[in-house]
C-alpha atoms as a PDB file:
ATOM      1  CA  UNK A   1       0.000   0.000   0.000  1.00  0.00           C
ATOM      2  CA  UNK A   2       1.488   3.299  -1.066  1.00  0.00           C
ATOM      3  CA  UNK A   3      -0.150   6.464   0.216  1.00  0.00           C
ATOM      4  CA  UNK A   4       0.494   9.789  -1.474  1.00  0.00           C
ATOM      5  CA  UNK A   5      -0.800  13.151  -0.296  1.00  0.00           C
ATOM      6  CA  UNK A   6      -1.279  15.536  -3.182  1.00  0.00           C
ATOM      7  CA  UNK A   7      -2.457  19.131  -2.569  1.00  0.00           C
ATOM      8  CA  UNK A   8      -5.471  19.360  -4.871  1.00  0.00           C
ATOM      9  CA  UNK A   9      -8.417  20.207  -2.627  1.00  0.00           C
ATOM     10  CA  UNK A  10      -9.122  22.218   0.499  1.00  0.00           C
ATOM     11  CA  UNK A  11     -10.636  19.277   2.316  1.00  0.00           C
ATOM     12  CA  UNK A  12      -9.400  16.331   4.308  1.00  0.00           C
ATOM     13  CA  UNK A  13      -8.409  13.663   1.845  1.00  0.00           C
ATOM     14  CA  UNK A  14      -5.985  10.977   0.934  1.00  0.00           C
ATOM     15  CA  UNK A  15      -4.868   9.554  -2.391  1.00  0.00           C
ATOM     16  CA  UNK A  16      -3.986   5.906  -2.532  1.00  0.00           C
ATOM     17  CA  UNK A  17      -1.841   4.301  -5.172  1.00  0.00           C
ATOM     18  CA  UNK A  18      -2.747   0.834  -4.046  1.00  0.00           C
ATOM     19  CA  UNK A  19      -2.001  -2.722  -4.969  1.00  0.00           C
ATOM     20  CA  UNK A  20      -5.617  -3.785  -5.368  1.00  0.00           C
ATOM     21  CA  UNK A  21      -5.030  -7.110  -3.618  1.00  0.00           C
ATOM     22  CA  UNK A  22      -4.161  -5.116  -0.461  1.00  0.00           C
ATOM     23  CA  UNK A  23      -7.836  -4.227  -0.196  1.00  0.00           C
ATOM     24  CA  UNK A  24      -8.980  -7.026   2.128  1.00  0.00           C
ATOM     25  CA  UNK A  25     -11.607  -9.617   1.320  1.00  0.00           C
ATOM     26  CA  UNK A  26     -14.317  -9.016   3.926  1.00  0.00           C
ATOM     27  CA  UNK A  27     -15.263 -11.988   6.070  1.00  0.00           C
ATOM     28  CA  UNK A  28     -18.841 -10.768   6.320  1.00  0.00           C
ATOM     29  CA  UNK A  29     -20.595  -8.679   3.695  1.00  0.00           C
ATOM     30  CA  UNK A  30     -21.541  -5.259   5.074  1.00  0.00           C
ATOM     31  CA  UNK A  31     -25.207  -4.382   5.065  1.00  0.00           C
ATOM     32  CA  UNK A  32     -25.337  -1.029   3.281  1.00  0.00           C
ATOM     33  CA  UNK A  33     -27.460   0.743   5.876  1.00  0.00           C
ATOM     34  CA  UNK A  34     -25.269   3.678   6.904  1.00  0.00           C
ATOM     35  CA  UNK A  35     -24.310   2.065  10.220  1.00  0.00           C
ATOM     36  CA  UNK A  36     -20.673   1.015  10.304  1.00  0.00           C
ATOM     37  CA  UNK A  37     -20.885  -2.281  12.154  1.00  0.00           C
ATOM     38  CA  UNK A  38     -17.528  -3.212  13.670  1.00  0.00           C
ATOM     39  CA  UNK A  39     -18.031  -6.919  12.898  1.00  0.00           C
ATOM     40  CA  UNK A  40     -18.838  -6.314   9.229  1.00  0.00           C
ATOM     41  CA  UNK A  41     -15.807  -4.041   8.772  1.00  0.00           C
ATOM     42  CA  UNK A  42     -13.468  -5.880  11.207  1.00  0.00           C
ATOM     43  CA  UNK A  43     -10.825  -6.959   8.684  1.00  0.00           C
ATOM     44  CA  UNK A  44     -11.155  -3.967   6.332  1.00  0.00           C
ATOM     45  CA  UNK A  45      -8.342  -1.584   5.460  1.00  0.00           C
ATOM     46  CA  UNK A  46      -8.853   1.349   7.875  1.00  0.00           C
ATOM     47  CA  UNK A  47      -7.187   4.761   7.966  1.00  0.00           C
ATOM     48  CA  UNK A  48      -7.899   8.407   8.737  1.00  0.00           C
ATOM     49  CA  UNK A  49      -8.112  11.205   6.193  1.00  0.00           C
ATOM     50  CA  UNK A  50      -5.481  13.934   6.513  1.00  0.00           C
ATOM     51  CA  UNK A  51      -5.411  17.659   5.834  1.00  0.00           C
ATOM     52  CA  UNK A  52      -3.739  18.733   2.627  1.00  0.00           C
ATOM     53  CA  UNK A  53      -0.791  20.244   4.457  1.00  0.00           C
ATOM     54  CA  UNK A  54      -0.628  17.376   6.916  1.00  0.00           C
ATOM     55  CA  UNK A  55      -2.050  16.970  10.355  1.00  0.00           C
ATOM     56  CA  UNK A  56      -5.382  15.948  11.723  1.00  0.00           C
ATOM     57  CA  UNK A  57      -8.544  17.720  10.519  1.00  0.00           C
ATOM     58  CA  UNK A  58     -10.785  19.451  13.081  1.00  0.00           C
ATOM     59  CA  UNK A  59     -13.460  16.854  12.314  1.00  0.00           C
ATOM     60  CA  UNK A  60     -11.757  13.541  11.709  1.00  0.00           C
ATOM     61  CA  UNK A  61     -12.855  10.935   9.179  1.00  0.00           C
ATOM     62  CA  UNK A  62     -12.108   7.227   9.306  1.00  0.00           C
ATOM     63  CA  UNK A  63     -12.307   5.312   6.026  1.00  0.00           C
ATOM     64  CA  UNK A  64     -12.907   1.565   5.667  1.00  0.00           C
ATOM     65  CA  UNK A  65     -12.193  -0.336   2.410  1.00  0.00           C
ATOM     66  CA  UNK A  66     -12.893  -3.967   1.559  1.00  0.00           C
ATOM     67  CA  UNK A  67     -14.363  -6.234  -1.084  1.00  0.00           C
ATOM     68  CA  UNK A  68     -16.129  -9.510  -1.669  1.00  0.00           C
ATOM     69  CA  UNK A  69     -16.582 -11.413  -4.944  1.00  0.00           C
ATOM     70  CA  UNK A  70     -18.957  -8.821  -6.428  1.00  0.00           C
ATOM     71  CA  UNK A  71     -18.387  -5.430  -4.785  1.00  0.00           C
ATOM     72  CA  UNK A  72     -15.802  -2.916  -3.678  1.00  0.00           C
ATOM     73  CA  UNK A  73     -16.994  -1.489  -0.347  1.00  0.00           C
ATOM     74  CA  UNK A  74     -16.146   1.879   1.174  1.00  0.00           C
ATOM     75  CA  UNK A  75     -17.370   3.398   4.412  1.00  0.00           C
ATOM     76  CA  UNK A  76     -16.703   6.801   5.932  1.00  0.00           C
ATOM     77  CA  UNK A  77     -17.171   7.607   9.614  1.00  0.00           C
ATOM     78  CA  UNK A  78     -17.366  11.409   9.660  1.00  0.00           C
ATOM     79  CA  UNK A  79     -16.911  12.848  13.130  1.00  0.00           C
ATOM     80  CA  UNK A  80     -18.701  16.144  13.818  1.00  0.00           C
ATOM     81  CA  UNK A  81     -18.257  18.364  16.849  1.00  0.00           C
ATOM     82  CA  UNK A  82     -21.537  20.114  16.009  1.00  0.00           C
ATOM     83  CA  UNK A  83     -23.994  18.059  13.962  1.00  0.00           C
ATOM     84  CA  UNK A  84     -26.139  21.184  13.424  1.00  0.00           C
ATOM     85  CA  UNK A  85     -23.285  22.792  11.481  1.00  0.00           C
ATOM     86  CA  UNK A  86     -23.273  20.232   8.658  1.00  0.00           C
ATOM     87  CA  UNK A  87     -23.564  22.108   5.357  1.00  0.00           C
ATOM     88  CA  UNK A  88     -26.515  20.663   3.466  1.00  0.00           C
ATOM     89  CA  UNK A  89     -27.804  22.533   0.423  1.00  0.00           C
ATOM     90  CA  UNK A  90     -28.912  19.434  -1.520  1.00  0.00           C
ATOM     91  CA  UNK A  91     -31.528  17.946   0.793  1.00  0.00           C
ATOM     92  CA  UNK A  92     -33.452  15.756  -1.645  1.00  0.00           C
ATOM     93  CA  UNK A  93     -31.726  12.380  -2.053  1.00  0.00           C
ATOM     94  CA  UNK A  94     -33.887  11.682  -5.125  1.00  0.00           C
ATOM     95  CA  UNK A  95     -32.198  14.447  -7.137  1.00  0.00           C
ATOM     96  CA  UNK A  96     -28.992  13.186  -8.742  1.00  0.00           C
ATOM     97  CA  UNK A  97     -25.944  14.938 -10.072  1.00  0.00           C
ATOM     98  CA  UNK A  98     -26.257  18.301  -8.373  1.00  0.00           C
ATOM     99  CA  UNK A  99     -23.191  20.051  -6.981  1.00  0.00           C
ATOM    100  CA  UNK A 100     -22.946  17.725  -3.979  1.00  0.00           C
ATOM    101  CA  UNK A 101     -19.381  18.937  -3.336  1.00  0.00           C
ATOM    102  CA  UNK A 102     -20.894  22.252  -2.106  1.00  0.00           C
ATOM    103  CA  UNK A 103     -22.331  20.251   0.801  1.00  0.00           C
ATOM    104  CA  UNK A 104     -20.533  18.334   3.507  1.00  0.00           C
ATOM    105  CA  UNK A 105     -19.978  15.133   1.583  1.00  0.00           C
ATOM    106  CA  UNK A 106     -17.622  12.259   0.952  1.00  0.00           C
ATOM    107  CA  UNK A 107     -16.161  11.532  -2.459  1.00  0.00           C
ATOM    108  CA  UNK A 108     -14.473   8.620  -4.161  1.00  0.00           C
ATOM    109  CA  UNK A 109     -12.403   9.130  -7.304  1.00  0.00           C
ATOM    110  CA  UNK A 110     -11.441   5.751  -8.716  1.00  0.00           C
ATOM    111  CA  UNK A 111      -9.124   5.087 -11.656  1.00  0.00           C
ATOM    112  CA  UNK A 112      -8.594   1.351 -11.747  1.00  0.00           C
ATOM    113  CA  UNK A 113      -6.714   1.277 -15.054  1.00  0.00           C
ATOM    114  CA  UNK A 114      -4.508   4.300 -14.355  1.00  0.00           C
ATOM    115  CA  UNK A 115      -5.662   5.777 -17.656  1.00  0.00           C
ATOM    116  CA  UNK A 116      -7.484   8.833 -16.273  1.00  0.00           C
ATOM    117  CA  UNK A 117     -10.869   7.215 -16.961  1.00  0.00           C
ATOM    118  CA  UNK A 118     -12.057   8.355 -13.556  1.00  0.00           C
ATOM    119  CA  UNK A 119     -15.172   7.158 -11.787  1.00  0.00           C
ATOM    120  CA  UNK A 120     -16.423   9.871  -9.399  1.00  0.00           C
ATOM    121  CA  UNK A 121     -18.982   9.178  -6.663  1.00  0.00           C
ATOM    122  CA  UNK A 122     -20.083  11.814  -4.125  1.00  0.00           C
ATOM    123  CA  UNK A 123     -22.581  11.312  -1.301  1.00  0.00           C
ATOM    124  CA  UNK A 124     -23.732  14.061   1.048  1.00  0.00           C
ATOM    125  CA  UNK A 125     -25.010  13.692   4.604  1.00  0.00           C
ATOM    126  CA  UNK A 126     -28.582  13.260   3.302  1.00  0.00           C
ATOM    127  CA  UNK A 127     -27.571  10.517   0.821  1.00  0.00           C
ATOM    128  CA  UNK A 128     -27.990  12.819  -2.184  1.00  0.00           C
ATOM    129  CA  UNK A 129     -25.699  11.509  -4.929  1.00  0.00           C
ATOM    130  CA  UNK A 130     -23.462  12.672  -7.705  1.00  0.00           C
ATOM    131  CA  UNK A 131     -21.739  10.293 -10.066  1.00  0.00           C
ATOM    132  CA  UNK A 132     -19.788  10.683 -13.266  1.00  0.00           C
ATOM    133  CA  UNK A 133     -17.374   8.758 -15.447  1.00  0.00           C
ATOM    134  CA  UNK A 134     -14.541  10.765 -16.966  1.00  0.00           C
ATOM    135  CA  UNK A 135     -16.467  13.963 -16.197  1.00  0.00           C
ATOM    136  CA  UNK A 136     -19.668  12.754 -17.897  1.00  0.00           C
ATOM    137  CA  UNK A 137     -22.408  13.167 -15.275  1.00  0.00           C
ATOM    138  CA  UNK A 138     -25.026  11.556 -17.521  1.00  0.00           C
ATOM    139  CA  UNK A 139     -23.316   8.253 -16.623  1.00  0.00           C
ATOM    140  CA  UNK A 140     -24.974   6.540 -13.668  1.00  0.00           C
ATOM    141  CA  UNK A 141     -23.381   3.692 -11.796  1.00  0.00           C
ATOM    142  CA  UNK A 142     -25.398   0.888 -10.299  1.00  0.00           C
ATOM    143  CA  UNK A 143     -23.959   1.313  -6.809  1.00  0.00           C
ATOM    144  CA  UNK A 144     -25.726   1.457  -3.472  1.00  0.00           C
ATOM    145  CA  UNK A 145     -25.159   3.992  -0.704  1.00  0.00           C
ATOM    146  CA  UNK A 146     -26.689   4.713   2.680  1.00  0.00           C
ATOM    147  CA  UNK A 147     -26.150   7.434   5.281  1.00  0.00           C
ATOM    148  CA  UNK A 148     -27.072   7.583   8.970  1.00  0.00           C
ATOM    149  CA  UNK A 149     -26.622  10.448  11.408  1.00  0.00           C
ATOM    150  CA  UNK A 150     -25.729   9.908  15.042  1.00  0.00           C
ATOM    151  CA  UNK A 151     -24.916  12.258  17.957  1.00  0.00           C
ATOM    152  CA  UNK A 152     -21.310  12.956  16.951  1.00  0.00           C
ATOM    153  CA  UNK A 153     -20.935  11.256  13.554  1.00  0.00           C
ATOM    154  CA  UNK A 154     -22.557  10.784  10.212  1.00  0.00           C
ATOM    155  CA  UNK A 155     -21.692   7.546   8.487  1.00  0.00           C
ATOM    156  CA  UNK A 156     -21.707   6.599   4.815  1.00  0.00           C
ATOM    157  CA  UNK A 157     -21.497   3.099   3.323  1.00  0.00           C
ATOM    158  CA  UNK A 158     -21.099   2.492  -0.406  1.00  0.00           C
ATOM    159  CA  UNK A 159     -21.067  -0.731  -2.441  1.00  0.00           C
ATOM    160  CA  UNK A 160     -19.614  -0.404  -5.958  1.00  0.00           C
ATOM    161  CA  UNK A 161     -20.223  -3.454  -8.171  1.00  0.00           C
ATOM    162  CA  UNK A 162     -17.168  -4.741  -9.998  1.00  0.00           C
ATOM    163  CA  UNK A 163     -19.476  -4.900 -13.030  1.00  0.00           C
ATOM    164  CA  UNK A 164     -19.538  -1.072 -13.365  1.00  0.00           C
ATOM    165  CA  UNK A 165     -15.763  -1.027 -12.966  1.00  0.00           C
ATOM    166  CA  UNK A 166     -15.566  -3.503 -15.868  1.00  0.00           C
ATOM    167  CA  UNK A 167     -13.547  -5.944 -13.755  1.00  0.00           C
ATOM    168  CA  UNK A 168     -14.552  -9.375 -12.522  1.00  0.00           C
ATOM    169  CA  UNK A 169     -12.636  -9.215  -9.254  1.00  0.00           C
ATOM    170  CA  UNK A 170      -9.464  -7.892  -7.690  1.00  0.00           C
ATOM    171  CA  UNK A 171      -6.496  -9.444  -9.480  1.00  0.00           C
ATOM    172  CA  UNK A 172      -3.033  -9.804  -7.942  1.00  0.00           C
ATOM    173  CA  UNK A 173      -0.587  -7.178  -9.180  1.00  0.00           C
ATOM    174  CA  UNK A 174      -3.288  -4.752 -10.279  1.00  0.00           C
ATOM    175  CA  UNK A 175      -2.725  -1.133  -9.242  1.00  0.00           C
ATOM    176  CA  UNK A 176      -5.600   1.271  -8.618  1.00  0.00           C
ATOM    177  CA  UNK A 177      -5.566   5.007  -8.025  1.00  0.00           C
ATOM    178  CA  UNK A 178      -8.110   6.016  -5.410  1.00  0.00           C
ATOM    179  CA  UNK A 179      -8.729   9.532  -4.090  1.00  0.00           C
ATOM    180  CA  UNK A 180     -10.941   9.644  -0.993  1.00  0.00           C
ATOM    181  CA  UNK A 181     -12.206  13.011   0.200  1.00  0.00           C
ATOM    182  CA  UNK A 182     -14.445  14.646   2.709  1.00  0.00           C
END
């Protein structure tokens, strides 16, 4: 696992240049319900997002990555000191492809072939979605997401089918570029 921090955004984020087989096979398939269950994510790859210039963000985020035979799974545990301060302009989760990045949200940029054919998924704290492939927001992936709010966190779980990534599974030696943001 090779982690690179690249100053592109003003948010907490991390860019992974990852050997895909280092993303663990999950012993139990997570239920995509917005509640990060410690048993479901027990053997996942876990790490915290960092500020662009290093250090710990004011509101920390823990990311969980794993897979099974059909899906790549990602979960974000977004800590909030003041849940009432979450920026939420896009309240309707039925509306797709609005400027979700103007809200408090999490984002996944995924380039599994390292050819700049980027899959972009964004989910805000109300489970409103944005997705695009290579900048084309008319593309819609067949992924599932869920968000739950708690006293001091909001949690996001996402299941991305290998089918929309045009791969059958995670192959040894395969490198993926992944940018994870909040």
